[in-house]
C-alpha atoms as a PDB file:
ATOM      1  CA  MET A   1     233.728 202.696 228.198  1.00  0.00           C
ATOM      2  CA  ASP A   2     235.836 203.453 224.945  1.00  0.00           C
ATOM      3  CA  GLN A   3     238.492 205.799 226.318  1.00  0.00           C
ATOM      4  CA  ASP A   4     239.113 206.899 222.593  1.00  0.00           C
ATOM      5  CA  ARG A   5     235.400 208.647 223.389  1.00  0.00           C
ATOM      6  CA  LEU A   6     235.978 210.532 226.302  1.00  0.00           C
ATOM      7  CA  PRO A   7     237.499 213.646 224.282  1.00  0.00           C
ATOM      8  CA  ALA A   8     234.312 214.002 221.888  1.00  0.00           C
ATOM      9  CA  ALA A   9     232.144 213.227 224.988  1.00  0.00           C
ATOM     10  CA  ILE A  10     233.268 216.170 226.673  1.00  0.00           C
ATOM     11  CA  ALA A  11     234.278 218.278 223.231  1.00  0.00           C
ATOM     12  CA  LEU A  12     230.238 217.558 222.510  1.00  0.00           C
ATOM     13  CA  ARG A  13     229.317 218.522 226.345  1.00  0.00           C
ATOM     14  CA  LEU A  14     230.858 221.734 226.446  1.00  0.00           C
ATOM     15  CA  THR A  15     229.714 222.245 222.482  1.00  0.00           C
ATOM     16  CA  SER A  16     226.173 221.904 224.387  1.00  0.00           C
ATOM     17  CA  VAL A  17     226.609 224.343 226.634  1.00  0.00           C
ATOM     18  CA  ALA A  18     228.102 226.967 225.011  1.00  0.00           C
ATOM     19  CA  LEU A  19     225.339 227.192 222.351  1.00  0.00           C
ATOM     20  CA  PHE A  20     222.651 226.939 224.949  1.00  0.00           C
ATOM     21  CA  ALA A  21     224.237 229.757 226.754  1.00  0.00           C
ATOM     22  CA  VAL A  22     224.122 231.775 223.554  1.00  0.00           C
ATOM     23  CA  MET A  23     220.630 230.854 223.453  1.00  0.00           C
ATOM     24  CA  ASN A  24     219.957 232.103 226.402  1.00  0.00           C
ATOM     25  CA  LEU A  25     221.375 235.011 225.497  1.00  0.00           C
ATOM     26  CA  CYS A  26     218.931 235.598 222.145  1.00  0.00           C
ATOM     27  CA  ILE A  27     216.149 234.878 224.269  1.00  0.00           C
ATOM     28  CA  LYS A  28     216.662 237.817 226.533  1.00  0.00           C
ATOM     29  CA  LEU A  29     218.051 239.750 223.437  1.00  0.00           C
ATOM     30  CA  ALA A  30     214.931 238.677 221.496  1.00  0.00           C
ATOM     31  CA  GLU A  31     212.041 239.646 224.415  1.00  0.00           C
ATOM     32  CA  ALA A  32     214.334 242.644 225.342  1.00  0.00           C
ATOM     33  CA  GLY A  33     213.321 243.249 220.879  1.00  0.00           C
ATOM     34  CA  GLY A  34     209.441 242.936 221.898  1.00  0.00           C
ATOM     35  CA  ALA A  35     209.004 239.244 221.656  1.00  0.00           C
ATOM     36  CA  GLN A  36     206.644 237.471 223.915  1.00  0.00           C
ATOM     37  CA  LEU A  37     207.241 234.330 225.838  1.00  0.00           C
ATOM     38  CA  GLY A  38     204.785 232.353 223.777  1.00  0.00           C
ATOM     39  CA  GLU A  39     206.633 233.105 220.429  1.00  0.00           C
ATOM     40  CA  ILE A  40     210.078 231.618 222.002  1.00  0.00           C
ATOM     41  CA  LEU A  41     208.894 228.812 223.772  1.00  0.00           C
ATOM     42  CA  PHE A  42     207.479 228.071 219.894  1.00  0.00           C
ATOM     43  CA  PHE A  43     210.533 229.019 217.976  1.00  0.00           C
ATOM     44  CA  ARG A  44     212.588 226.983 220.367  1.00  0.00           C
ATOM     45  CA  GLN A  45     210.963 223.780 220.181  1.00  0.00           C
ATOM     46  CA  ALA A  46     210.148 223.999 216.587  1.00  0.00           C
ATOM     47  CA  GLY A  47     213.555 224.591 215.658  1.00  0.00           C
ATOM     48  CA  ALA A  48     214.218 221.406 217.759  1.00  0.00           C
ATOM     49  CA  ALA A  49     210.995 219.444 216.204  1.00  0.00           C
ATOM     50  CA  LEU A  50     212.797 220.021 212.489  1.00  0.00           C
ATOM     51  CA  MET A  51     216.605 219.537 213.443  1.00  0.00           C
ATOM     52  CA  MET A  52     215.146 215.754 214.425  1.00  0.00           C
ATOM     53  CA  ILE A  53     212.944 215.218 211.838  1.00  0.00           C
ATOM     54  CA  GLY A  54     216.637 215.543 209.701  1.00  0.00           C
ATOM     55  CA  VAL A  55     218.213 213.466 211.903  1.00  0.00           C
ATOM     56  CA  VAL A  56     215.920 210.732 212.029  1.00  0.00           C
ATOM     57  CA  LEU A  57     215.110 210.512 208.550  1.00  0.00           C
ATOM     58  CA  ALA A  58     219.051 210.929 207.855  1.00  0.00           C
ATOM     59  CA  GLY A  59     219.993 208.161 210.314  1.00  0.00           C
ATOM     60  CA  PRO A  60     217.845 205.534 211.523  1.00  0.00           C
ATOM     61  CA  GLY A  61     214.636 206.226 209.769  1.00  0.00           C
ATOM     62  CA  VAL A  62     211.014 206.424 210.945  1.00  0.00           C
ATOM     63  CA  ALA A  63     210.512 202.811 212.016  1.00  0.00           C
ATOM     64  CA  SER A  64     213.191 203.444 214.629  1.00  0.00           C
ATOM     65  CA  LEU A  65     210.261 206.188 216.546  1.00  0.00           C
ATOM     66  CA  ARG A  66     207.959 203.705 217.241  1.00  0.00           C
ATOM     67  CA  SER A  67     207.145 203.376 220.800  1.00  0.00           C
ATOM     68  CA  GLU A  68     204.294 201.496 223.176  1.00  0.00           C
ATOM     69  CA  ARG A  69     204.954 204.321 225.934  1.00  0.00           C
ATOM     70  CA  MET A  70     203.186 207.252 224.214  1.00  0.00           C
ATOM     71  CA  GLY A  71     201.637 207.807 227.507  1.00  0.00           C
ATOM     72  CA  ALA A  72     205.057 208.306 229.161  1.00  0.00           C
ATOM     73  CA  HIS A  73     206.102 210.629 226.185  1.00  0.00           C
ATOM     74  CA  VAL A  74     202.901 212.693 226.340  1.00  0.00           C
ATOM     75  CA  LEU A  75     203.582 213.188 230.380  1.00  0.00           C
ATOM     76  CA  ARG A  76     207.211 214.207 229.758  1.00  0.00           C
ATOM     77  CA  ALA A  77     206.249 216.540 227.163  1.00  0.00           C
ATOM     78  CA  VAL A  78     203.806 218.344 229.803  1.00  0.00           C
ATOM     79  CA  VAL A  79     206.502 218.388 232.323  1.00  0.00           C
ATOM     80  CA  GLY A  80     208.837 219.425 230.231  1.00  0.00           C
ATOM     81  CA  LEU A  81     207.101 222.402 228.292  1.00  0.00           C
ATOM     82  CA  SER A  82     205.752 223.846 231.600  1.00  0.00           C
ATOM     83  CA  THR A  83     209.522 223.384 233.287  1.00  0.00           C
ATOM     84  CA  MET A  84     210.919 225.308 229.939  1.00  0.00           C
ATOM     85  CA  ALA A  85     208.244 228.012 230.562  1.00  0.00           C
ATOM     86  CA  VAL A  86     208.867 228.887 234.234  1.00  0.00           C
ATOM     87  CA  THR A  87     213.005 228.323 233.244  1.00  0.00           C
ATOM     88  CA  PHE A  88     212.499 230.878 230.156  1.00  0.00           C
ATOM     89  CA  GLY A  89     211.025 233.219 232.592  1.00  0.00           C
ATOM     90  CA  GLY A  90     213.685 232.874 235.088  1.00  0.00           C
ATOM     91  CA  ILE A  91     215.769 234.085 232.360  1.00  0.00           C
ATOM     92  CA  LEU A  92     213.992 236.982 231.226  1.00  0.00           C
ATOM     93  CA  ARG A  93     213.791 238.319 234.626  1.00  0.00           C
ATOM     94  CA  LEU A  94     217.040 237.455 236.045  1.00  0.00           C
ATOM     95  CA  GLN A  95     221.120 238.265 235.050  1.00  0.00           C
ATOM     96  CA  LEU A  96     222.623 235.205 232.991  1.00  0.00           C
ATOM     97  CA  ALA A  97     224.845 234.040 235.830  1.00  0.00           C
ATOM     98  CA  GLU A  98     221.953 234.493 238.459  1.00  0.00           C
ATOM     99  CA  ALA A  99     219.403 232.432 235.954  1.00  0.00           C
ATOM    100  CA  THR A 100     222.357 229.638 235.522  1.00  0.00           C
ATOM    101  CA  THR A 101     223.341 229.222 239.014  1.00  0.00           C
ATOM    102  CA  ILE A 102     220.083 229.071 240.358  1.00  0.00           C
ATOM    103  CA  GLY A 103     219.554 226.242 237.622  1.00  0.00           C
ATOM    104  CA  PHE A 104     222.625 224.378 239.249  1.00  0.00           C
ATOM    105  CA  SER A 105     220.440 223.370 242.168  1.00  0.00           C
ATOM    106  CA  MET A 106     218.775 220.790 239.932  1.00  0.00           C
ATOM    107  CA  PRO A 107     220.872 217.792 241.120  1.00  0.00           C
ATOM    108  CA  ILE A 108     219.737 218.748 244.539  1.00  0.00           C
ATOM    109  CA  PHE A 109     216.261 218.630 243.264  1.00  0.00           C
ATOM    110  CA  ALA A 110     216.810 215.139 241.724  1.00  0.00           C
ATOM    111  CA  THR A 111     218.368 213.491 244.970  1.00  0.00           C
ATOM    112  CA  VAL A 112     215.580 214.374 246.860  1.00  0.00           C
ATOM    113  CA  LEU A 113     213.295 213.026 244.231  1.00  0.00           C
ATOM    114  CA  GLY A 114     214.793 210.244 243.542  1.00  0.00           C
ATOM    115  CA  ALA A 115     215.010 209.295 247.420  1.00  0.00           C
ATOM    116  CA  LEU A 116     211.773 210.049 247.768  1.00  0.00           C
ATOM    117  CA  VAL A 117     209.794 208.136 244.907  1.00  0.00           C
ATOM    118  CA  LEU A 118     212.075 206.116 243.346  1.00  0.00           C
ATOM    119  CA  GLY A 119     213.558 205.077 246.853  1.00  0.00           C
ATOM    120  CA  GLU A 120     217.090 205.417 245.248  1.00  0.00           C
ATOM    121  CA  PRO A 121     219.496 204.885 248.393  1.00  0.00           C
ATOM    122  CA  THR A 122     220.371 207.952 249.652  1.00  0.00           C
ATOM    123  CA  GLY A 123     223.722 208.158 252.234  1.00  0.00           C
ATOM    124  CA  TRP A 124     224.266 210.975 254.547  1.00  0.00           C
ATOM    125  CA  ARG A 125     227.168 212.659 252.849  1.00  0.00           C
ATOM    126  CA  ARG A 126     224.675 213.027 249.687  1.00  0.00           C
ATOM    127  CA  TRP A 127     222.103 214.495 251.613  1.00  0.00           C
ATOM    128  CA  ALA A 128     224.921 217.109 253.285  1.00  0.00           C
ATOM    129  CA  ALA A 129     226.028 218.197 249.766  1.00  0.00           C
ATOM    130  CA  VAL A 130     221.914 218.293 249.291  1.00  0.00           C
ATOM    131  CA  LEU A 131     222.199 220.635 252.907  1.00  0.00           C
ATOM    132  CA  ALA A 132     225.225 222.720 251.723  1.00  0.00           C
ATOM    133  CA  GLY A 133     223.341 222.891 248.286  1.00  0.00           C
ATOM    134  CA  PHE A 134     220.205 224.610 249.984  1.00  0.00           C
ATOM    135  CA  ALA A 135     222.216 226.827 252.001  1.00  0.00           C
ATOM    136  CA  GLY A 136     224.061 228.228 248.439  1.00  0.00           C
ATOM    137  CA  VAL A 137     220.613 228.627 246.907  1.00  0.00           C
ATOM    138  CA  LEU A 138     219.357 230.610 250.490  1.00  0.00           C
ATOM    139  CA  ILE A 139     222.954 232.870 249.692  1.00  0.00           C
ATOM    140  CA  VAL A 140     222.289 233.846 245.972  1.00  0.00           C
ATOM    141  CA  THR A 141     218.513 234.360 246.320  1.00  0.00           C
ATOM    142  CA  ARG A 142     218.620 236.029 249.921  1.00  0.00           C
ATOM    143  CA  PRO A 143     214.662 235.936 250.291  1.00  0.00           C
ATOM    144  CA  GLY A 144     215.132 238.107 253.354  1.00  0.00           C
ATOM    145  CA  GLY A 145     216.516 240.483 250.952  1.00  0.00           C
ATOM    146  CA  PHE A 146     213.451 240.586 248.729  1.00  0.00           C
ATOM    147  CA  ALA A 147     211.459 243.142 250.316  1.00  0.00           C
ATOM    148  CA  GLY A 148     214.309 245.335 250.672  1.00  0.00           C
ATOM    149  CA  GLY A 149     215.767 245.034 247.328  1.00  0.00           C
ATOM    150  CA  GLY A 150     218.906 243.061 248.581  1.00  0.00           C
ATOM    151  CA  GLY A 151     217.738 239.808 246.920  1.00  0.00           C
ATOM    152  CA  LEU A 152     217.218 238.364 243.615  1.00  0.00           C
ATOM    153  CA  PRO A 153     213.916 239.586 241.658  1.00  0.00           C
ATOM    154  CA  LEU A 154     211.376 237.372 243.688  1.00  0.00           C
ATOM    155  CA  VAL A 155     209.580 236.241 240.661  1.00  0.00           C
ATOM    156  CA  GLY A 156     212.580 235.488 239.103  1.00  0.00           C
ATOM    157  CA  ALA A 157     214.056 233.393 241.851  1.00  0.00           C
ATOM    158  CA  ALA A 158     210.821 231.564 242.434  1.00  0.00           C
ATOM    159  CA  MET A 159     210.840 230.721 238.041  1.00  0.00           C
ATOM    160  CA  GLY A 160     214.818 229.515 238.274  1.00  0.00           C
ATOM    161  CA  LEU A 161     213.930 227.246 241.591  1.00  0.00           C
ATOM    162  CA  ALA A 162     210.703 226.177 239.328  1.00  0.00           C
ATOM    163  CA  GLY A 163     212.425 225.188 236.482  1.00  0.00           C
ATOM    164  CA  ALA A 164     215.289 223.531 238.641  1.00  0.00           C
ATOM    165  CA  PHE A 165     212.769 221.469 240.061  1.00  0.00           C
ATOM    166  CA  GLY A 166     210.752 220.539 236.943  1.00  0.00           C
ATOM    167  CA  THR A 167     214.484 219.810 235.141  1.00  0.00           C
ATOM    168  CA  ALA A 168     214.547 217.548 238.005  1.00  0.00           C
ATOM    169  CA  CYS A 169     211.191 215.899 237.926  1.00  0.00           C
ATOM    170  CA  VAL A 170     211.976 215.620 234.361  1.00  0.00           C
ATOM    171  CA  SER A 171     215.452 213.649 235.199  1.00  0.00           C
ATOM    172  CA  ILE A 172     213.474 211.300 236.692  1.00  0.00           C
ATOM    173  CA  LEU A 173     211.279 210.407 234.192  1.00  0.00           C
ATOM    174  CA  LEU A 174     213.792 210.096 231.758  1.00  0.00           C
ATOM    175  CA  ARG A 175     215.273 207.491 234.079  1.00  0.00           C
ATOM    176  CA  GLN A 176     211.962 205.685 233.750  1.00  0.00           C
ATOM    177  CA  ILE A 177     211.351 206.141 230.420  1.00  0.00           C
ATOM    178  CA  GLY A 178     215.187 205.281 229.375  1.00  0.00           C
ATOM    179  CA  ARG A 179     214.954 201.762 230.522  1.00  0.00           C
ATOM    180  CA  THR A 180     212.900 201.178 227.272  1.00  0.00           C
ATOM    181  CA  GLU A 181     213.036 204.326 224.873  1.00  0.00           C
ATOM    182  CA  SER A 182     216.157 205.718 222.966  1.00  0.00           C
ATOM    183  CA  ALA A 183     217.690 208.983 223.530  1.00  0.00           C
ATOM    184  CA  MET A 184     217.043 210.088 220.106  1.00  0.00           C
ATOM    185  CA  THR A 185     212.821 208.703 220.174  1.00  0.00           C
ATOM    186  CA  THR A 186     212.803 210.171 223.402  1.00  0.00           C
ATOM    187  CA  VAL A 187     214.239 213.752 221.909  1.00  0.00           C
ATOM    188  CA  PHE A 188     211.988 212.870 219.196  1.00  0.00           C
ATOM    189  CA  TRP A 189     208.614 212.935 220.760  1.00  0.00           C
ATOM    190  CA  PHE A 190     208.944 215.416 223.249  1.00  0.00           C
ATOM    191  CA  SER A 191     210.383 218.359 220.247  1.00  0.00           C
ATOM    192  CA  THR A 192     207.448 216.872 218.306  1.00  0.00           C
ATOM    193  CA  LEU A 193     204.354 216.946 220.846  1.00  0.00           C
ATOM    194  CA  SER A 194     205.435 219.852 221.858  1.00  0.00           C
ATOM    195  CA  ILE A 195     204.529 222.026 218.599  1.00  0.00           C
ATOM    196  CA  PRO A 196     200.337 221.829 218.816  1.00  0.00           C
ATOM    197  CA  PRO A 197     200.060 223.158 222.183  1.00  0.00           C
ATOM    198  CA  LEU A 198     202.905 225.405 221.279  1.00  0.00           C
ATOM    199  CA  ALA A 199     201.485 226.551 217.896  1.00  0.00           C
ATOM    200  CA  ILE A 200     197.773 227.128 219.761  1.00  0.00           C
ATOM    201  CA  VAL A 201     200.035 229.720 222.331  1.00  0.00           C
ATOM    202  CA  TYR A 202     201.609 231.118 219.252  1.00  0.00           C
ATOM    203  CA  LEU A 203     198.366 232.096 217.193  1.00  0.00           C
ATOM    204  CA  PHE A 204     197.751 234.308 220.417  1.00  0.00           C
ATOM    205  CA  ALA A 205     201.107 235.488 220.623  1.00  0.00           C
ATOM    206  CA  PHE A 206     202.131 236.019 217.429  1.00  0.00           C
ATOM    207  CA  GLN A 207     203.091 239.968 216.120  1.00  0.00           C
ATOM    208  CA  PRO A 208     204.713 241.218 212.984  1.00  0.00           C
ATOM    209  CA  HIS A 209     208.651 241.952 213.687  1.00  0.00           C
ATOM    210  CA  GLY A 210     211.520 243.741 211.756  1.00  0.00           C
ATOM    211  CA  PRO A 211     213.774 240.799 210.080  1.00  0.00           C
ATOM    212  CA  SER A 212     216.779 241.163 212.648  1.00  0.00           C
ATOM    213  CA  LEU A 213     214.109 239.589 215.619  1.00  0.00           C
ATOM    214  CA  TRP A 214     212.735 237.004 213.148  1.00  0.00           C
ATOM    215  CA  ALA A 215     216.172 236.088 212.586  1.00  0.00           C
ATOM    216  CA  MET A 216     216.836 235.637 216.398  1.00  0.00           C
ATOM    217  CA  LEU A 217     213.660 233.745 216.725  1.00  0.00           C
ATOM    218  CA  LEU A 218     214.956 231.390 214.090  1.00  0.00           C
ATOM    219  CA  ALA A 219     218.701 231.317 216.061  1.00  0.00           C
ATOM    220  CA  ILE A 220     216.953 230.254 219.042  1.00  0.00           C
ATOM    221  CA  GLY A 221     215.134 227.382 218.035  1.00  0.00           C
ATOM    222  CA  LEU A 222     218.385 226.001 215.670  1.00  0.00           C
ATOM    223  CA  LEU A 223     220.581 226.812 218.994  1.00  0.00           C
ATOM    224  CA  GLY A 224     218.585 224.866 221.363  1.00  0.00           C
ATOM    225  CA  GLY A 225     218.036 221.973 219.038  1.00  0.00           C
ATOM    226  CA  GLY A 226     221.508 221.690 218.090  1.00  0.00           C
ATOM    227  CA  ALA A 227     222.883 222.013 221.829  1.00  0.00           C
ATOM    228  CA  GLN A 228     220.246 219.101 222.208  1.00  0.00           C
ATOM    229  CA  LEU A 229     221.689 217.091 220.333  1.00  0.00           C
ATOM    230  CA  ALA A 230     225.231 217.296 221.261  1.00  0.00           C
ATOM    231  CA  MET A 231     223.802 217.000 224.967  1.00  0.00           C
ATOM    232  CA  THR A 232     222.367 213.317 223.364  1.00  0.00           C
ATOM    233  CA  ALA A 233     225.397 212.991 221.615  1.00  0.00           C
ATOM    234  CA  SER A 234     227.396 212.980 224.586  1.00  0.00           C
ATOM    235  CA  LEU A 235     225.702 210.361 226.963  1.00  0.00           C
ATOM    236  CA  ALA A 236     226.161 207.859 224.184  1.00  0.00           C
ATOM    237  CA  ARG A 237     229.695 208.536 224.329  1.00  0.00           C
ATOM    238  CA  GLY A 238     230.730 209.303 227.844  1.00  0.00           C
ATOM    239  CA  PRO A 239     229.323 208.388 231.363  1.00  0.00           C
ATOM    240  CA  VAL A 240     227.274 210.729 233.042  1.00  0.00           C
ATOM    241  CA  SER A 241     230.055 211.346 235.846  1.00  0.00           C
ATOM    242  CA  VAL A 242     232.206 212.353 233.139  1.00  0.00           C
ATOM    243  CA  VAL A 243     230.740 214.604 230.793  1.00  0.00           C
ATOM    244  CA  VAL A 244     228.109 216.349 233.525  1.00  0.00           C
ATOM    245  CA  PRO A 245     230.158 218.146 235.026  1.00  0.00           C
ATOM    246  CA  MET A 246     231.149 220.090 231.678  1.00  0.00           C
ATOM    247  CA  ASP A 247     227.420 221.609 232.535  1.00  0.00           C
ATOM    248  CA  TYR A 248     229.113 224.131 235.250  1.00  0.00           C
ATOM    249  CA  THR A 249     231.367 225.936 232.667  1.00  0.00           C
ATOM    250  CA  SER A 250     227.822 227.643 231.551  1.00  0.00           C
ATOM    251  CA  LEU A 251     228.646 229.937 234.581  1.00  0.00           C
ATOM    252  CA  LEU A 252     231.463 231.459 232.844  1.00  0.00           C
ATOM    253  CA  TRP A 253     229.777 231.714 229.404  1.00  0.00           C
ATOM    254  CA  ALA A 254     226.602 233.329 231.236  1.00  0.00           C
ATOM    255  CA  THR A 255     229.027 235.859 233.497  1.00  0.00           C
ATOM    256  CA  ALA A 256     230.679 236.754 229.792  1.00  0.00           C
ATOM    257  CA  LEU A 257     227.978 236.951 227.898  1.00  0.00           C
ATOM    258  CA  GLY A 258     225.944 239.095 230.330  1.00  0.00           C
ATOM    259  CA  TRP A 259     229.112 241.511 230.667  1.00  0.00           C
ATOM    260  CA  LEU A 260     229.220 241.565 226.678  1.00  0.00           C
ATOM    261  CA  ALA A 261     225.803 242.346 225.856  1.00  0.00           C
ATOM    262  CA  PHE A 262     224.647 244.037 228.902  1.00  0.00           C
ATOM    263  CA  GLY A 263     227.186 245.064 230.953  1.00  0.00           C
ATOM    264  CA  THR A 264     226.021 243.363 234.007  1.00  0.00           C
ATOM    265  CA  LEU A 265     228.254 241.353 236.416  1.00  0.00           C
ATOM    266  CA  PRO A 266     226.863 238.950 238.975  1.00  0.00           C
ATOM    267  CA  ALA A 267     225.633 240.291 243.139  1.00  0.00           C
ATOM    268  CA  PRO A 268     228.273 239.558 245.394  1.00  0.00           C
ATOM    269  CA  GLN A 269     226.127 236.668 246.906  1.00  0.00           C
ATOM    270  CA  VAL A 270     225.975 234.827 243.446  1.00  0.00           C
ATOM    271  CA  TRP A 271     230.176 234.566 244.163  1.00  0.00           C
ATOM    272  CA  ILE A 272     229.473 233.241 247.676  1.00  0.00           C
ATOM    273  CA  GLY A 273     227.015 231.123 247.190  1.00  0.00           C
ATOM    274  CA  ALA A 274     227.510 229.695 243.282  1.00  0.00           C
ATOM    275  CA  PRO A 275     230.900 227.435 245.029  1.00  0.00           C
ATOM    276  CA  LEU A 276     228.422 225.546 247.437  1.00  0.00           C
ATOM    277  CA  ILE A 277     225.729 225.146 244.900  1.00  0.00           C
ATOM    278  CA  VAL A 278     228.792 223.688 242.288  1.00  0.00           C
ATOM    279  CA  GLY A 279     230.377 221.730 244.658  1.00  0.00           C
ATOM    280  CA  SER A 280     227.075 220.115 245.825  1.00  0.00           C
ATOM    281  CA  GLY A 281     225.793 219.187 242.345  1.00  0.00           C
ATOM    282  CA  LEU A 282     229.785 217.775 241.596  1.00  0.00           C
ATOM    283  CA  PHE A 283     230.105 215.851 244.631  1.00  0.00           C
ATOM    284  CA  ILE A 284     226.488 214.975 244.221  1.00  0.00           C
ATOM    285  CA  VAL A 285     227.294 213.485 240.439  1.00  0.00           C
ATOM    286  CA  TRP A 286     230.362 211.569 242.164  1.00  0.00           C
ATOM    287  CA  ARG A 287     228.546 209.420 244.455  1.00  0.00           C
ATOM    288  CA  GLU A 288     226.104 208.238 241.815  1.00  0.00           C
ATOM    289  CA  HIS A 289     229.077 207.265 239.717  1.00  0.00           C
ATOM    290  CA  VAL A 290     230.737 205.798 243.071  1.00  0.00           C
ATOM    291  CA  ARG A 291     227.382 204.145 244.115  1.00  0.00           C
ATOM    292  CA  ARG A 292     226.431 203.112 240.609  1.00  0.00           C
ATOM    293  CA  ARG A 293     230.479 200.926 240.143  1.00  0.00           C
ATOM    294  CA  THR A 294     229.669 199.353 243.328  1.00  0.00           C
ATOM    295  CA  ALA A 295     226.893 198.125 242.701  1.00  0.00           C
ATOM    296  CA  THR A 296     227.740 196.763 238.821  1.00  0.00           C
ATOM    297  CA  ARG A 297     230.730 194.822 240.871  1.00  0.00           C
ATOM    298  CA  GLN A 298     228.629 193.430 243.104  1.00  0.00           C
ATOM    299  CA  ALA A 299     226.410 191.992 240.488  1.00  0.00           C
ATOM    300  CA  LEU A 300     228.893 190.312 239.071  1.00  0.00           C
ATOM    301  CA  PRO A 301     229.353 187.118 239.361  1.00  0.00           C
ATOM    302  CA  GLN A 302     232.325 185.977 241.839  1.00  0.00           C
ATOM    303  CA  GLU A 303     235.024 183.651 241.145  1.00  0.00           C
END
């Protein structure tokens, strides 16, 4: 990996994190203004699809989108859309910082799925990190406090965890699709294949809005599309072990935006559980980097 490209990779990832954080804020503001979840989903993917079409036409061209694995792209779209729906549902029902913290459990689920589905070697260190991460999740959600009001809202917490699990499933699919497909091709087909089903949903969810709310819905699509492009570009310029840890800065954005827009701060248990979840995710990323580096060295011819 060219070391000169690492600052650009980190900058792109931080830009992606910031854009996604602002998009999440716009989602909450749009819903507060009267928009329904179906409308928000449609504009999110429509904006991303338009941006991807523009990038493809201005860059590699339509020929780069040919694929012999359309079935895999359709499956990725189904899982991805379902995941996006529950993730957005969690954002609407929780504080921004709470939803963001629960989303950090994705690497934990990905580790479990990688071991069970792909048979990836997972040593005791990563399993210990998984257990620590799940302990953090229990602290943040406080399942025993749902009935008494001491924990997070049950539906919101469940949607957040379902979104994290779905994102982990998507990551497993992308590992397999990525063996033959470029990142740009994968993002393009996910965005465009999402439009027909979401257009049907939008027909039933459509309602008139004022200019400010239409602008908010448009911003959701443009911010989401720009964030997705920046995220993809960061992985083309830097290794996962370097760029992915930048994602945890989203908790800073979520906390600041939640306080500025709604005057809310995370509950005390979030401050306690978040370090466990973040630390678990960082350790899992680091161990994956070590495992891949060791496997690469072993595959090289010995002199």
